[in-house]
Amino acid sequence: DLLAASVYDTKPVHLMSTVSKSVRWVMKNNKVRSKEDEAMKVIDFLRLNMIDEYNQNMNNVDIADQLRGQY
């Protein structure tokens, strides 16, 4: 099974996955500095679960790419 999704963040993001079984929005939050009062504020935003799964599990892929580049 192949799952494909495309979203627009600050630029287009295209994903294809054989691992994800569904697509759903996940509520996330992040601290950002406000330009008005120079204070840190927490903002909420939505992200696809596929992106979270990729970001959490890509460490092994990065290590394999680094080792392949060395040899």
PDB file of N, CA and C in Angstrom:
ATOM      1  N   ASP A   1       0.838  -1.182   0.000  1.00  0.00           N
ATOM      2  CA  ASP A   1       0.000   0.000   0.000  1.00  0.00           C
ATOM      3  C   ASP A   1       0.880   1.241   0.000  1.00  0.00           C
ATOM      4  N   LEU A   2       0.508   2.207  -0.800  1.00  0.00           N
ATOM      5  CA  LEU A   2       1.246   3.454  -0.905  1.00  0.00           C
ATOM      6  C   LEU A   2       0.308   4.600  -0.577  1.00  0.00           C
ATOM      7  N   LEU A   3       0.737   5.477   0.317  1.00  0.00           N
ATOM      8  CA  LEU A   3      -0.049   6.628   0.729  1.00  0.00           C
ATOM      9  C   LEU A   3       0.692   7.884   0.313  1.00  0.00           C
ATOM     10  N   ALA A   4       0.026   8.777  -0.400  1.00  0.00           N
ATOM     11  CA  ALA A   4       0.647  10.019  -0.858  1.00  0.00           C
ATOM     12  C   ALA A   4      -0.156  11.202  -0.343  1.00  0.00           C
ATOM     13  N   ALA A   5       0.557  12.276   0.022  1.00  0.00           N
ATOM     14  CA  ALA A   5      -0.090  13.492   0.511  1.00  0.00           C
ATOM     15  C   ALA A   5       0.735  14.692   0.075  1.00  0.00           C
ATOM     16  N   SER A   6       0.052  15.809  -0.100  1.00  0.00           N
ATOM     17  CA  SER A   6       0.720  17.047  -0.466  1.00  0.00           C
ATOM     18  C   SER A   6       0.070  18.178   0.321  1.00  0.00           C
ATOM     19  N   VAL A   7       0.880  18.988   0.985  1.00  0.00           N
ATOM     20  CA  VAL A   7       0.402  20.146   1.744  1.00  0.00           C
ATOM     21  C   VAL A   7       1.278  21.343   1.412  1.00  0.00           C
ATOM     22  N   TYR A   8       0.785  22.520   1.727  1.00  0.00           N
ATOM     23  CA  TYR A   8       1.559  23.730   1.515  1.00  0.00           C
ATOM     24  C   TYR A   8       1.830  24.362   2.868  1.00  0.00           C
ATOM     25  N   ASP A   9       3.122  24.474   3.231  1.00  0.00           N
ATOM     26  CA  ASP A   9       3.530  25.140   4.462  1.00  0.00           C
ATOM     27  C   ASP A   9       4.082  26.492   4.030  1.00  0.00           C
ATOM     28  N   THR A  10       5.346  26.753   4.189  1.00  0.00           N
ATOM     29  CA  THR A  10       5.951  27.945   3.604  1.00  0.00           C
ATOM     30  C   THR A  10       6.343  27.666   2.158  1.00  0.00           C
ATOM     31  N   LYS A  11       6.342  26.387   1.799  1.00  0.00           N
ATOM     32  CA  LYS A  11       6.541  25.930   0.429  1.00  0.00           C
ATOM     33  C   LYS A  11       5.862  24.570   0.312  1.00  0.00           C
ATOM     34  N   PRO A  12       5.668  24.056  -0.889  1.00  0.00           N
ATOM     35  CA  PRO A  12       4.985  22.763  -1.030  1.00  0.00           C
ATOM     36  C   PRO A  12       5.765  21.613  -0.385  1.00  0.00           C
ATOM     37  N   VAL A  13       5.038  20.728   0.270  1.00  0.00           N
ATOM     38  CA  VAL A  13       5.615  19.533   0.900  1.00  0.00           C
ATOM     39  C   VAL A  13       4.876  18.334   0.327  1.00  0.00           C
ATOM     40  N   HIS A  14       5.616  17.402  -0.286  1.00  0.00           N
ATOM     41  CA  HIS A  14       5.038  16.201  -0.880  1.00  0.00           C
ATOM     42  C   HIS A  14       5.593  14.984  -0.150  1.00  0.00           C
ATOM     43  N   LEU A  15       4.711  14.069   0.221  1.00  0.00           N
ATOM     44  CA  LEU A  15       5.114  12.879   0.962  1.00  0.00           C
ATOM     45  C   LEU A  15       4.537  11.632   0.311  1.00  0.00           C
ATOM     46  N   MET A  16       5.338  10.576   0.311  1.00  0.00           N
ATOM     47  CA  MET A  16       4.856   9.254  -0.078  1.00  0.00           C
ATOM     48  C   MET A  16       5.334   8.290   1.001  1.00  0.00           C
ATOM     49  N   SER A  17       4.446   7.419   1.450  1.00  0.00           N
ATOM     50  CA  SER A  17       4.792   6.527   2.550  1.00  0.00           C
ATOM     51  C   SER A  17       4.194   5.147   2.340  1.00  0.00           C
ATOM     52  N   THR A  18       4.976   4.150   2.703  1.00  0.00           N
ATOM     53  CA  THR A  18       4.452   2.789   2.757  1.00  0.00           C
ATOM     54  C   THR A  18       4.273   2.361   4.219  1.00  0.00           C
ATOM     55  N   VAL A  19       4.611   3.254   5.145  1.00  0.00           N
ATOM     56  CA  VAL A  19       4.529   2.958   6.573  1.00  0.00           C
ATOM     57  C   VAL A  19       3.236   3.479   7.177  1.00  0.00           C
ATOM     58  N   SER A  20       2.850   4.700   6.848  1.00  0.00           N
ATOM     59  CA  SER A  20       1.641   5.306   7.411  1.00  0.00           C
ATOM     60  C   SER A  20       0.404   4.592   6.888  1.00  0.00           C
ATOM     61  N   LYS A  21      -0.528   4.347   7.782  1.00  0.00           N
ATOM     62  CA  LYS A  21      -1.769   3.667   7.411  1.00  0.00           C
ATOM     63  C   LYS A  21      -2.930   4.637   7.248  1.00  0.00           C
ATOM     64  N   SER A  22      -2.767   5.878   7.732  1.00  0.00           N
ATOM     65  CA  SER A  22      -3.840   6.865   7.629  1.00  0.00           C
ATOM     66  C   SER A  22      -3.226   8.260   7.599  1.00  0.00           C
ATOM     67  N   VAL A  23      -4.057   9.224   7.212  1.00  0.00           N
ATOM     68  CA  VAL A  23      -3.642  10.624   7.212  1.00  0.00           C
ATOM     69  C   VAL A  23      -4.562  11.375   8.148  1.00  0.00           C
ATOM     70  N   ARG A  24      -3.995  12.075   9.096  1.00  0.00           N
ATOM     71  CA  ARG A  24      -4.805  12.884  10.011  1.00  0.00           C
ATOM     72  C   ARG A  24      -3.981  14.091  10.448  1.00  0.00           C
ATOM     73  N   TRP A  25      -4.668  15.127  10.848  1.00  0.00           N
ATOM     74  CA  TRP A  25      -4.011  16.329  11.357  1.00  0.00           C
ATOM     75  C   TRP A  25      -3.737  16.162  12.841  1.00  0.00           C
ATOM     76  N   VAL A  26      -2.551  16.574  13.282  1.00  0.00           N
ATOM     77  CA  VAL A  26      -2.149  16.501  14.680  1.00  0.00           C
ATOM     78  C   VAL A  26      -1.891  17.923  15.161  1.00  0.00           C
ATOM     79  N   MET A  27      -2.466  18.284  16.303  1.00  0.00           N
ATOM     80  CA  MET A  27      -2.257  19.620  16.868  1.00  0.00           C
ATOM     81  C   MET A  27      -0.890  19.662  17.543  1.00  0.00           C
ATOM     82  N   LYS A  28      -0.065  20.609  17.151  1.00  0.00           N
ATOM     83  CA  LYS A  28       1.265  20.809  17.729  1.00  0.00           C
ATOM     84  C   LYS A  28       1.336  22.239  18.250  1.00  0.00           C
ATOM     85  N   ASN A  29       2.350  22.538  19.062  1.00  0.00           N
ATOM     86  CA  ASN A  29       2.572  23.917  19.484  1.00  0.00           C
ATOM     87  C   ASN A  29       4.063  24.200  19.517  1.00  0.00           C
ATOM     88  N   ASN A  30       4.388  25.472  19.427  1.00  0.00           N
ATOM     89  CA  ASN A  30       5.779  25.884  19.373  1.00  0.00           C
ATOM     90  C   ASN A  30       5.913  27.259  20.014  1.00  0.00           C
ATOM     91  N   LYS A  31       7.036  27.511  20.648  1.00  0.00           N
ATOM     92  CA  LYS A  31       7.302  28.825  21.224  1.00  0.00           C
ATOM     93  C   LYS A  31       7.939  29.716  20.161  1.00  0.00           C
ATOM     94  N   VAL A  32       7.387  30.914  20.001  1.00  0.00           N
ATOM     95  CA  VAL A  32       7.934  31.887  19.059  1.00  0.00           C
ATOM     96  C   VAL A  32       8.023  33.243  19.741  1.00  0.00           C
ATOM     97  N   ARG A  33       8.920  34.076  19.247  1.00  0.00           N
ATOM     98  CA  ARG A  33       9.063  35.421  19.796  1.00  0.00           C
ATOM     99  C   ARG A  33       8.110  36.359  19.083  1.00  0.00           C
ATOM    100  N   SER A  34       7.310  37.077  19.863  1.00  0.00           N
ATOM    101  CA  SER A  34       6.355  38.029  19.318  1.00  0.00           C
ATOM    102  C   SER A  34       7.069  39.321  18.937  1.00  0.00           C
ATOM    103  N   LYS A  35       6.767  39.852  17.751  1.00  0.00           N
ATOM    104  CA  LYS A  35       7.387  41.105  17.318  1.00  0.00           C
ATOM    105  C   LYS A  35       6.822  42.307  18.064  1.00  0.00           C
ATOM    106  N   GLU A  36       5.554  42.215  18.490  1.00  0.00           N
ATOM    107  CA  GLU A  36       4.911  43.354  19.151  1.00  0.00           C
ATOM    108  C   GLU A  36       5.493  43.640  20.532  1.00  0.00           C
ATOM    109  N   ASP A  37       5.564  42.617  21.380  1.00  0.00           N
ATOM    110  CA  ASP A  37       6.000  42.853  22.764  1.00  0.00           C
ATOM    111  C   ASP A  37       7.296  42.124  23.117  1.00  0.00           C
ATOM    112  N   GLU A  38       7.976  41.536  22.109  1.00  0.00           N
ATOM    113  CA  GLU A  38       9.272  40.870  22.316  1.00  0.00           C
ATOM    114  C   GLU A  38       9.222  39.771  23.370  1.00  0.00           C
ATOM    115  N   ALA A  39       8.053  39.176  23.570  1.00  0.00           N
ATOM    116  CA  ALA A  39       7.906  38.096  24.546  1.00  0.00           C
ATOM    117  C   ALA A  39       7.735  36.767  23.808  1.00  0.00           C
ATOM    118  N   MET A  40       8.054  35.690  24.497  1.00  0.00           N
ATOM    119  CA  MET A  40       7.856  34.366  23.936  1.00  0.00           C
ATOM    120  C   MET A  40       6.388  33.968  24.107  1.00  0.00           C
ATOM    121  N   LYS A  41       5.775  33.506  23.018  1.00  0.00           N
ATOM    122  CA  LYS A  41       4.387  33.063  23.057  1.00  0.00           C
ATOM    123  C   LYS A  41       4.300  31.666  22.463  1.00  0.00           C
ATOM    124  N   VAL A  42       3.326  30.916  22.902  1.00  0.00           N
ATOM    125  CA  VAL A  42       3.092  29.568  22.383  1.00  0.00           C
ATOM    126  C   VAL A  42       1.999  29.675  21.324  1.00  0.00           C
ATOM    127  N   ILE A  43       2.295  29.174  20.122  1.00  0.00           N
ATOM    128  CA  ILE A  43       1.285  29.142  19.066  1.00  0.00           C
ATOM    129  C   ILE A  43       0.945  27.688  18.748  1.00  0.00           C
ATOM    130  N   ASP A  44      -0.296  27.465  18.392  1.00  0.00           N
ATOM    131  CA  ASP A  44      -0.762  26.137  17.986  1.00  0.00           C
ATOM    132  C   ASP A  44      -0.805  26.075  16.464  1.00  0.00           C
ATOM    133  N   PHE A  45      -0.501  24.906  15.915  1.00  0.00           N
ATOM    134  CA  PHE A  45      -0.575  24.701  14.483  1.00  0.00           C
ATOM    135  C   PHE A  45      -0.872  23.238  14.199  1.00  0.00           C
ATOM    136  N   LEU A  46      -1.297  22.950  12.990  1.00  0.00           N
ATOM    137  CA  LEU A  46      -1.617  21.584  12.584  1.00  0.00           C
ATOM    138  C   LEU A  46      -0.504  21.025  11.708  1.00  0.00           C
ATOM    139  N   ARG A  47      -0.242  19.731  11.881  1.00  0.00           N
ATOM    140  CA  ARG A  47       0.771  19.034  11.086  1.00  0.00           C
ATOM    141  C   ARG A  47       0.227  17.639  10.765  1.00  0.00           C
ATOM    142  N   LEU A  48       0.567  17.135   9.599  1.00  0.00           N
ATOM    143  CA  LEU A  48       0.145  15.778   9.245  1.00  0.00           C
ATOM    144  C   LEU A  48       0.896  14.750  10.086  1.00  0.00           C
ATOM    145  N   ASN A  49       0.209  13.690  10.480  1.00  0.00           N
ATOM    146  CA  ASN A  49       0.858  12.640  11.260  1.00  0.00           C
ATOM    147  C   ASN A  49       1.998  11.991  10.474  1.00  0.00           C
ATOM    148  N   MET A  50       1.913  11.966   9.139  1.00  0.00           N
ATOM    149  CA  MET A  50       2.982  11.393   8.313  1.00  0.00           C
ATOM    150  C   MET A  50       4.296  12.143   8.507  1.00  0.00           C
ATOM    151  N   ILE A  51       4.218  13.465   8.645  1.00  0.00           N
ATOM    152  CA  ILE A  51       5.415  14.276   8.823  1.00  0.00           C
ATOM    153  C   ILE A  51       6.040  13.983  10.181  1.00  0.00           C
ATOM    154  N   ASP A  52       5.212  13.867  11.217  1.00  0.00           N
ATOM    155  CA  ASP A  52       5.734  13.520  12.549  1.00  0.00           C
ATOM    156  C   ASP A  52       6.401  12.149  12.535  1.00  0.00           C
ATOM    157  N   GLU A  53       5.773  11.171  11.894  1.00  0.00           N
ATOM    158  CA  GLU A  53       6.350   9.827  11.832  1.00  0.00           C
ATOM    159  C   GLU A  53       7.691   9.852  11.113  1.00  0.00           C
ATOM    160  N   TYR A  54       7.780  10.613  10.038  1.00  0.00           N
ATOM    161  CA  TYR A  54       9.042  10.714   9.303  1.00  0.00           C
ATOM    162  C   TYR A  54      10.125  11.364  10.162  1.00  0.00           C
ATOM    163  N   ASN A  55       9.772  12.484  10.808  1.00  0.00           N
ATOM    164  CA  ASN A  55      10.765  13.196  11.618  1.00  0.00           C
ATOM    165  C   ASN A  55      11.247  12.374  12.813  1.00  0.00           C
ATOM    166  N   GLN A  56      10.383  11.564  13.381  1.00  0.00           N
ATOM    167  CA  GLN A  56      10.771  10.757  14.540  1.00  0.00           C
ATOM    168  C   GLN A  56      11.622   9.555  14.146  1.00  0.00           C
ATOM    169  N   ASN A  57      11.500   9.067  12.928  1.00  0.00           N
ATOM    170  CA  ASN A  57      12.173   7.827  12.545  1.00  0.00           C
ATOM    171  C   ASN A  57      13.247   8.008  11.483  1.00  0.00           C
ATOM    172  N   MET A  58      13.614   9.223  11.131  1.00  0.00           N
ATOM    173  CA  MET A  58      14.581   9.430  10.057  1.00  0.00           C
ATOM    174  C   MET A  58      16.021   9.356  10.528  1.00  0.00           C
ATOM    175  N   ASN A  59      16.263   9.227  11.812  1.00  0.00           N
ATOM    176  CA  ASN A  59      17.624   9.227  12.335  1.00  0.00           C
ATOM    177  C   ASN A  59      18.467   8.110  11.717  1.00  0.00           C
ATOM    178  N   ASN A  60      17.922   6.913  11.608  1.00  0.00           N
ATOM    179  CA  ASN A  60      18.674   5.801  11.022  1.00  0.00           C
ATOM    180  C   ASN A  60      18.989   6.054   9.556  1.00  0.00           C
ATOM    181  N   VAL A  61      18.098   6.712   8.836  1.00  0.00           N
ATOM    182  CA  VAL A  61      18.331   7.019   7.427  1.00  0.00           C
ATOM    183  C   VAL A  61      19.476   8.027   7.313  1.00  0.00           C
ATOM    184  N   ASP A  62      19.478   9.039   8.179  1.00  0.00           N
ATOM    185  CA  ASP A  62      20.546  10.041   8.150  1.00  0.00           C
ATOM    186  C   ASP A  62      21.907   9.406   8.427  1.00  0.00           C
ATOM    187  N   ILE A  63      21.976   8.498   9.377  1.00  0.00           N
ATOM    188  CA  ILE A  63      23.244   7.832   9.702  1.00  0.00           C
ATOM    189  C   ILE A  63      23.713   7.000   8.510  1.00  0.00           C
ATOM    190  N   ALA A  64      22.789   6.282   7.867  1.00  0.00           N
ATOM    191  CA  ALA A  64      23.158   5.474   6.697  1.00  0.00           C
ATOM    192  C   ALA A  64      23.669   6.373   5.569  1.00  0.00           C
ATOM    193  N   ASP A  65      23.051   7.518   5.356  1.00  0.00           N
ATOM    194  CA  ASP A  65      23.509   8.446   4.321  1.00  0.00           C
ATOM    195  C   ASP A  65      24.896   8.996   4.639  1.00  0.00           C
ATOM    196  N   GLN A  66      25.150   9.297   5.897  1.00  0.00           N
ATOM    197  CA  GLN A  66      26.472   9.802   6.304  1.00  0.00           C
ATOM    198  C   GLN A  66      27.548   8.743   6.074  1.00  0.00           C
ATOM    199  N   LEU A  67      27.263   7.508   6.449  1.00  0.00           N
ATOM    200  CA  LEU A  67      28.249   6.440   6.274  1.00  0.00           C
ATOM    201  C   LEU A  67      28.497   6.157   4.787  1.00  0.00           C
ATOM    202  N   ARG A  68      27.449   6.173   3.986  1.00  0.00           N
ATOM    203  CA  ARG A  68      27.599   5.948   2.559  1.00  0.00           C
ATOM    204  C   ARG A  68      28.457   7.055   1.934  1.00  0.00           C
ATOM    205  N   GLY A  69      28.285   8.292   2.395  1.00  0.00           N
ATOM    206  CA  GLY A  69      29.068   9.413   1.887  1.00  0.00           C
ATOM    207  C   GLY A  69      30.549   9.310   2.233  1.00  0.00           C
ATOM    208  N   GLN A  70      30.872   8.693   3.368  1.00  0.00           N
ATOM    209  CA  GLN A  70      32.265   8.549   3.792  1.00  0.00           C
ATOM    210  C   GLN A  70      32.989   7.471   3.008  1.00  0.00           C
ATOM    211  N   TYR A  71      32.269   6.434   2.610  1.00  0.00           N
ATOM    212  CA  TYR A  71      32.905   5.306   1.952  1.00  0.00           C
ATOM    213  C   TYR A  71      32.544   5.317   0.506  1.00  0.00           C
TER     214      TYR A  71
END
